[in-house]
Amino acid sequence: MRRRRAAVGVGLLSLALLTGCTTPVPGTPDGEVVRPSITPSPEELPQHGQCTDGGLKTVPCTEPHEGEVVAIGQFTGLGDAYPSERDLRRSALPACRTALAVYLGSTDHDATRLQPQVLWVSRDGWARGDRWRLCTVVEIGPDGQRKKRTAPLKSLLKAEGFAQVQLCAQGSPGVDEQLKIVTCDAQHKAEAVPGVLNLGAHTSPTPSKDQVDAKAKDHCAKAVTGYVGAERPDVFASWRAFGSQAWSEGNTTVVCYAEATRPFTGRLWGLGDKPLPS
């Protein structure tokens, strides 16, 4: 990845973002000016639907790969000088999130470990007039690292693939400041459910916590009841939202969780009135 860092910039929504905050992500634009030959021209970029090594090298989707191209676009309105990482992320990520939902077949990707990654032109390419941005989707493991896949993600959520990449949490989404994500076959306390709540456009003012909670309370309660298949005293609705930086980058959603009163191993999906798994 180091050789690619000199050639492109990368913006990735980490799992930390899903816990209500954002953190700097390795691989963002270097300050180094590189030779124009290192930065690919737009016609050399991977194309929509192609799989990649996590950078700009294409890989057959049947072989281990990290990224999958969901959209190719152009930066506009950012001027001639090379923009800051903050401006690049704010310009690129909202459009990439929209493209990601279309590619996966559902807006529920925020309740999964699938996240948008943006690769953008480096300083030398910008100076010569290139303005491309490449939107890809990556799967993040519980350890925070990108996972390699040997099957494409396109339409995965539309094809009932939610459970394959669902977010499950070891602790309480409504209480823990830093939420520990685990695989759903491990012991956990909460499961993200389909039915992500969109609170509006990222260009609108960021809502307060009270405003978020007021909208999330009933929505998440209904989503959790539908997910579990019954109202239960030992399972309740909790939720997590964005940080202020995340809102400006297009993450304007609330993710609802079905949270149990104790840790368990198994699934709450369709549990109904059956006993909580041990």
Foldseek 3Di string as FASTA:
>chain_A
DVLLLAWKAKDWAFVQQQLAEGDDDPSGHDPDDDDPVSHDAPVQADDAQFFAQVGGHTDHLQDWGFKGFQDKDFQPDPDLQDDDSLVVLLRPQQVLLVSVCQFQVHNQCSQFQKIKMKIFGHRNCSNVPGGMITIIIFGAALVRDTGIDRHDNGNCVVVVNCLVTGWFFADDSQPDSGTRTHRQQDKHFKTWFPDKAAPDALVDDQDDPVVVCVVCQVSLQVRLCQQLVHDDPFWGKHWHAGYNSVSSSNRRIITIMTGGNDIAGDDSGPNHPPDGHD
